[in-house]
């Protein structure tokens, strides 16, 4: 595991991490590609080709909720990658499940998966099945489930505490005021995987030590179960792309070389 001191040094030397690598970023639940704007721009500033994927039903996308599935998410990422090679695939939170499935489908194109505070699934897991094993998470008791509409929201007053306790107050308020309900079906869909990551794809995990959505305890357990040996630690909430964008982008740039 990389120490915090080493990460800070890496961030300060970010300009030295120049490259023309292709990095594909997939956001998590209750989020959108726009949330990764600062991190993506930092990565582009040192020469990387960055693709930020906006999943159906997120951000300004108006795909009907009841037509959205886990497979649709996977297909969207594969489509965004197209014929690109040597991809570093970054998945945040729920999209750890998505990127792991994508890597299985197009293994020859993927050189590395970077999980950021992400769910790391085993065959047959879903977000809901994994999340139920995380008693330290604050998210379960703050869910607003609307089965008829096929969506799940978060209690507005809890958004900052659950997702971004370290964010500036005005940022947390903006997010709480504009948070969009999440399509429910993909969260409960089991993912189909083989036992091991295919080919020569490497896996890296970026832990968020002060995470109240996917607890650090659960993160460590998933990493151990998956046999991921390369890890970094950030003293972050669940959304390191808000406060720690320079450090996060430095790690991603370094691991993409």
Protein backbone atom coordinates (compact mmCIF):
# COMPACT_ATOMS: atom_id res chain seq x y z
CA UNK A 1 0.00 0.00 0.00
CA UNK A 2 1.27 3.47 -0.86
CA UNK A 3 1.79 5.79 2.10
CA UNK A 4 0.06 9.17 2.38
CA UNK A 5 3.45 10.87 2.19
CA UNK A 6 4.31 9.14 -1.06
CA UNK A 7 0.93 10.11 -2.51
CA UNK A 8 1.47 13.77 -1.61
CA UNK A 9 4.89 13.71 -3.28
CA UNK A 10 3.32 12.11 -6.34
CA UNK A 11 0.70 14.88 -6.47
CA UNK A 12 3.33 17.63 -6.21
CA UNK A 13 5.20 16.01 -9.10
CA UNK A 14 2.05 15.56 -11.17
CA UNK A 15 3.57 17.49 -14.08
CA UNK A 16 6.17 14.78 -14.47
CA UNK A 17 3.47 12.17 -15.06
CA UNK A 18 3.06 13.04 -18.72
CA UNK A 19 1.71 10.45 -21.11
CA UNK A 20 -0.76 9.81 -23.88
CA UNK A 21 -2.61 7.01 -22.14
CA UNK A 22 -6.32 6.38 -22.58
CA UNK A 23 -8.22 6.58 -19.30
CA UNK A 24 -11.92 5.74 -19.13
CA UNK A 25 -13.77 6.96 -16.03
CA UNK A 26 -17.14 5.55 -14.99
CA UNK A 27 -19.04 7.38 -12.25
CA UNK A 28 -21.01 5.75 -9.45
CA UNK A 29 -24.63 5.78 -8.31
CA UNK A 30 -26.36 9.13 -7.64
CA UNK A 31 -23.65 10.74 -9.74
CA UNK A 32 -22.74 11.63 -13.32
CA UNK A 33 -19.74 12.10 -15.58
CA UNK A 34 -19.78 15.81 -14.78
CA UNK A 35 -18.76 15.10 -11.16
CA UNK A 36 -15.38 13.93 -12.49
CA UNK A 37 -14.74 17.11 -14.51
CA UNK A 38 -11.88 18.44 -12.36
CA UNK A 39 -10.08 15.11 -12.15
CA UNK A 40 -10.52 14.52 -15.88
CA UNK A 41 -9.14 17.96 -16.75
CA UNK A 42 -6.10 17.42 -14.55
CA UNK A 43 -5.45 14.13 -16.33
CA UNK A 44 -5.86 15.77 -19.73
CA UNK A 45 -3.50 18.59 -18.72
CA UNK A 46 -0.61 16.12 -18.69
CA UNK A 47 -1.46 14.63 -22.06
CA UNK A 48 -3.82 11.76 -21.32
CA UNK A 49 -6.80 10.88 -23.48
CA UNK A 50 -9.70 10.83 -21.01
CA UNK A 51 -13.18 9.47 -21.69
CA UNK A 52 -15.78 10.16 -18.99
CA UNK A 53 -18.76 7.88 -19.47
CA UNK A 54 -22.20 9.14 -18.45
CA UNK A 55 -24.39 6.15 -17.66
CA UNK A 56 -28.01 6.05 -18.89
CA UNK A 57 -30.42 7.80 -16.54
CA UNK A 58 -27.74 10.02 -14.99
CA UNK A 59 -26.87 13.66 -15.36
CA UNK A 60 -28.89 15.12 -18.22
CA UNK A 61 -29.55 11.74 -19.86
CA UNK A 62 -33.28 11.08 -20.18
CA UNK A 63 -33.33 7.33 -20.87
CA UNK A 64 -36.61 5.97 -19.39
CA UNK A 65 -35.87 4.51 -15.97
CA UNK A 66 -37.75 1.28 -16.52
CA UNK A 67 -35.61 0.50 -19.58
CA UNK A 68 -32.33 0.86 -17.67
CA UNK A 69 -30.43 -2.28 -16.69
CA UNK A 70 -26.96 -3.31 -15.53
CA UNK A 71 -26.33 -4.70 -19.01
CA UNK A 72 -27.21 -1.31 -20.53
CA UNK A 73 -24.57 0.30 -18.33
CA UNK A 74 -21.99 -2.27 -19.39
CA UNK A 75 -22.89 -1.80 -23.06
CA UNK A 76 -22.59 1.98 -22.71
CA UNK A 77 -19.04 1.72 -21.40
CA UNK A 78 -18.03 -0.78 -24.11
CA UNK A 79 -19.48 1.58 -26.73
CA UNK A 80 -17.59 4.55 -25.29
CA UNK A 81 -14.31 2.61 -25.44
CA UNK A 82 -14.88 1.51 -29.01
CA UNK A 83 -11.63 0.28 -30.58
CA UNK A 84 -9.30 2.02 -28.09
CA UNK A 85 -6.50 -0.17 -26.71
CA UNK A 86 -4.42 -0.29 -23.53
CA UNK A 87 -7.24 1.20 -21.49
CA UNK A 88 -7.00 2.19 -17.85
CA UNK A 89 -10.55 1.70 -16.63
CA UNK A 90 -11.55 3.71 -13.54
CA UNK A 91 -14.70 2.77 -11.63
CA UNK A 92 -16.12 4.68 -8.66
CA UNK A 93 -18.45 3.14 -6.09
CA UNK A 94 -21.22 1.11 -7.82
CA UNK A 95 -19.31 1.21 -11.10
CA UNK A 96 -16.67 -1.10 -9.70
CA UNK A 97 -19.22 -3.73 -10.68
CA UNK A 98 -19.66 -2.21 -14.13
CA UNK A 99 -15.96 -1.91 -14.97
CA UNK A 100 -15.20 -5.42 -13.75
CA UNK A 101 -17.84 -6.78 -16.13
CA UNK A 102 -16.56 -4.61 -18.98
CA UNK A 103 -13.02 -5.90 -18.44
CA UNK A 104 -14.31 -9.41 -18.82
CA UNK A 105 -16.05 -8.63 -22.11
CA UNK A 106 -13.17 -6.81 -23.80
CA UNK A 107 -10.16 -8.11 -21.86
CA UNK A 108 -7.59 -7.62 -24.67
CA UNK A 109 -8.30 -3.86 -24.64
CA UNK A 110 -7.97 -3.35 -20.87
CA UNK A 111 -4.56 -3.08 -19.21
CA UNK A 112 -5.67 -1.91 -15.77
CA UNK A 113 -8.71 -1.42 -13.56
CA UNK A 114 -8.57 1.25 -10.87
CA UNK A 115 -11.31 0.95 -8.26
CA UNK A 116 -12.02 4.21 -6.40
CA UNK A 117 -13.98 3.58 -3.19
CA UNK A 118 -15.65 0.96 -5.32
CA UNK A 119 -17.53 -2.29 -5.00
CA UNK A 120 -15.39 -5.20 -6.15
CA UNK A 121 -17.76 -8.03 -7.03
CA UNK A 122 -17.44 -11.77 -7.09
CA UNK A 123 -19.56 -13.82 -9.51
CA UNK A 124 -23.24 -13.47 -8.63
CA UNK A 125 -22.84 -10.36 -6.47
CA UNK A 126 -24.96 -7.24 -6.82
CA UNK A 127 -24.52 -3.86 -5.22
CA UNK A 128 -27.39 -4.59 -2.85
CA UNK A 129 -26.06 -8.00 -1.84
CA UNK A 130 -22.63 -6.55 -1.03
CA UNK A 131 -24.00 -3.43 0.65
CA UNK A 132 -26.06 -5.53 3.04
CA UNK A 133 -22.78 -6.80 4.54
CA UNK A 134 -21.68 -3.25 5.47
CA UNK A 135 -23.16 -2.29 8.88
CA UNK A 136 -20.90 0.77 9.11
CA UNK A 137 -22.41 2.42 6.03
CA UNK A 138 -24.89 5.26 6.59
CA UNK A 139 -26.59 4.82 3.26
CA UNK A 140 -29.04 2.03 4.09
CA UNK A 141 -31.00 3.97 6.70
CA UNK A 142 -31.24 7.02 4.44
CA UNK A 143 -32.68 5.38 1.32
CA UNK A 144 -36.02 6.42 -0.17
CA UNK A 145 -37.22 3.52 -2.33
CA UNK A 146 -39.99 4.02 -4.89
CA UNK A 147 -40.55 0.57 -6.39
CA UNK A 148 -43.40 1.75 -8.62
CA UNK A 149 -41.23 4.40 -10.26
CA UNK A 150 -38.22 2.05 -10.21
CA UNK A 151 -35.91 4.50 -8.44
CA UNK A 152 -34.20 5.01 -5.12
CA UNK A 153 -33.27 8.35 -3.57
CA UNK A 154 -31.42 9.60 -0.51
CA UNK A 155 -32.87 11.66 2.35
CA UNK A 156 -31.87 15.21 1.39
CA UNK A 157 -30.62 16.21 4.84
CA UNK A 158 -28.31 13.18 4.89
CA UNK A 159 -26.64 13.65 1.49
CA UNK A 160 -23.65 15.60 2.78
CA UNK A 161 -22.97 13.26 5.69
CA UNK A 162 -23.36 10.11 3.60
CA UNK A 163 -21.37 11.11 0.52
CA UNK A 164 -19.20 14.16 1.14
CA UNK A 165 -18.62 15.03 4.78
CA UNK A 166 -15.32 16.72 3.81
CA UNK A 167 -16.73 18.85 0.99
CA UNK A 168 -17.20 22.63 1.25
CA UNK A 169 -20.67 23.48 2.55
CA UNK A 170 -21.79 25.19 -0.65
CA UNK A 171 -20.77 22.17 -2.73
CA UNK A 172 -22.61 19.75 -0.44
CA UNK A 173 -25.72 21.95 -0.55
CA UNK A 174 -25.65 22.11 -4.33
CA UNK A 175 -25.38 18.33 -4.60
CA UNK A 176 -28.19 17.77 -2.09
CA UNK A 177 -30.43 20.23 -3.95
CA UNK A 178 -29.80 18.60 -7.32
CA UNK A 179 -29.36 14.91 -6.49
CA UNK A 180 -31.20 12.73 -8.99
CA UNK A 181 -32.88 9.48 -7.95
CA UNK A 182 -31.00 6.35 -8.97
CA UNK A 183 -32.46 3.60 -11.21
CA UNK A 184 -33.20 0.71 -8.89
CA UNK A 185 -33.00 -2.38 -11.10
CA UNK A 186 -29.23 -2.33 -11.84
CA UNK A 187 -28.43 -2.13 -8.13
CA UNK A 188 -30.06 -5.49 -7.46
CA UNK A 189 -28.89 -7.33 -10.58
CA UNK A 190 -26.26 -10.06 -10.00
CA UNK A 191 -23.20 -9.69 -12.19
CA UNK A 192 -21.88 -12.68 -14.13
CA UNK A 193 -18.12 -13.09 -13.91
CA UNK A 194 -15.42 -15.70 -14.13
CA UNK A 195 -13.31 -16.44 -11.07
CA UNK A 196 -10.33 -14.33 -12.07
CA UNK A 197 -9.65 -11.13 -13.98
CA UNK A 198 -8.91 -12.14 -17.58
CA UNK A 199 -5.64 -11.77 -19.45
CA UNK A 200 -2.93 -9.44 -18.25
CA UNK A 201 -5.26 -6.86 -16.71
CA UNK A 202 -3.94 -5.46 -13.44
CA UNK A 203 -6.15 -4.24 -10.59
CA UNK A 204 -5.53 -1.30 -8.25
CA UNK A 205 -7.67 -0.05 -5.38
CA UNK A 206 -7.84 3.50 -4.01
CA UNK A 207 -9.23 3.38 -0.46
CA UNK A 208 -11.17 6.26 1.09
CA UNK A 209 -10.44 6.10 4.79
CA UNK A 210 -13.33 8.28 6.02
CA UNK A 211 -15.98 6.80 3.75
CA UNK A 212 -19.52 6.63 5.13
CA UNK A 213 -21.04 5.11 2.01
CA UNK A 214 -18.74 2.14 1.36
CA UNK A 215 -16.95 1.72 4.65
CA UNK A 216 -13.20 1.27 4.81
CA UNK A 217 -13.82 -2.08 6.52
CA UNK A 218 -15.86 -3.32 3.56
CA UNK A 219 -13.31 -1.93 1.11
CA UNK A 220 -10.53 -3.89 2.78
CA UNK A 221 -12.60 -7.07 2.82
CA UNK A 222 -13.44 -6.83 -0.88
CA UNK A 223 -9.82 -6.12 -1.78
CA UNK A 224 -8.68 -9.14 0.20
CA UNK A 225 -11.31 -11.38 -1.38
CA UNK A 226 -10.30 -10.21 -4.85
CA UNK A 227 -6.57 -10.64 -4.19
CA UNK A 228 -5.76 -7.03 -5.11
CA UNK A 229 -2.27 -6.21 -3.84
CA UNK A 230 -1.72 -2.66 -5.20
CA UNK A 231 -3.55 -0.18 -2.99
CA UNK A 232 -3.53 3.52 -2.13
CA UNK A 233 -5.09 5.35 0.80
CA UNK A 234 -6.77 8.75 0.79
CA UNK A 235 -8.11 10.43 3.98
CA UNK A 236 -11.29 11.11 2.06
CA UNK A 237 -15.04 10.78 2.14
CA UNK A 238 -16.76 8.75 -0.58
CA UNK A 239 -16.15 11.51 -3.15
CA UNK A 240 -12.38 12.08 -3.42
CA UNK A 241 -12.87 13.76 -6.79
CA UNK A 242 -14.20 16.82 -4.89
CA UNK A 243 -11.54 17.62 -2.29
CA UNK A 244 -8.67 15.39 -3.41
CA UNK A 245 -8.85 15.77 -7.20
CA UNK A 246 -5.12 16.68 -7.60
CA UNK A 247 -3.96 13.68 -5.59
CA UNK A 248 -6.52 11.34 -7.13
CA UNK A 249 -5.58 12.39 -10.65
CA UNK A 250 -1.88 11.96 -9.82
CA UNK A 251 -2.47 8.38 -8.69
CA UNK A 252 -4.53 7.56 -11.77
CA UNK A 253 -1.94 9.18 -14.06
CA UNK A 254 0.91 7.27 -12.41
CA UNK A 255 -0.91 3.93 -12.59
CA UNK A 256 -1.77 4.54 -16.26
CA UNK A 257 1.84 4.89 -17.37
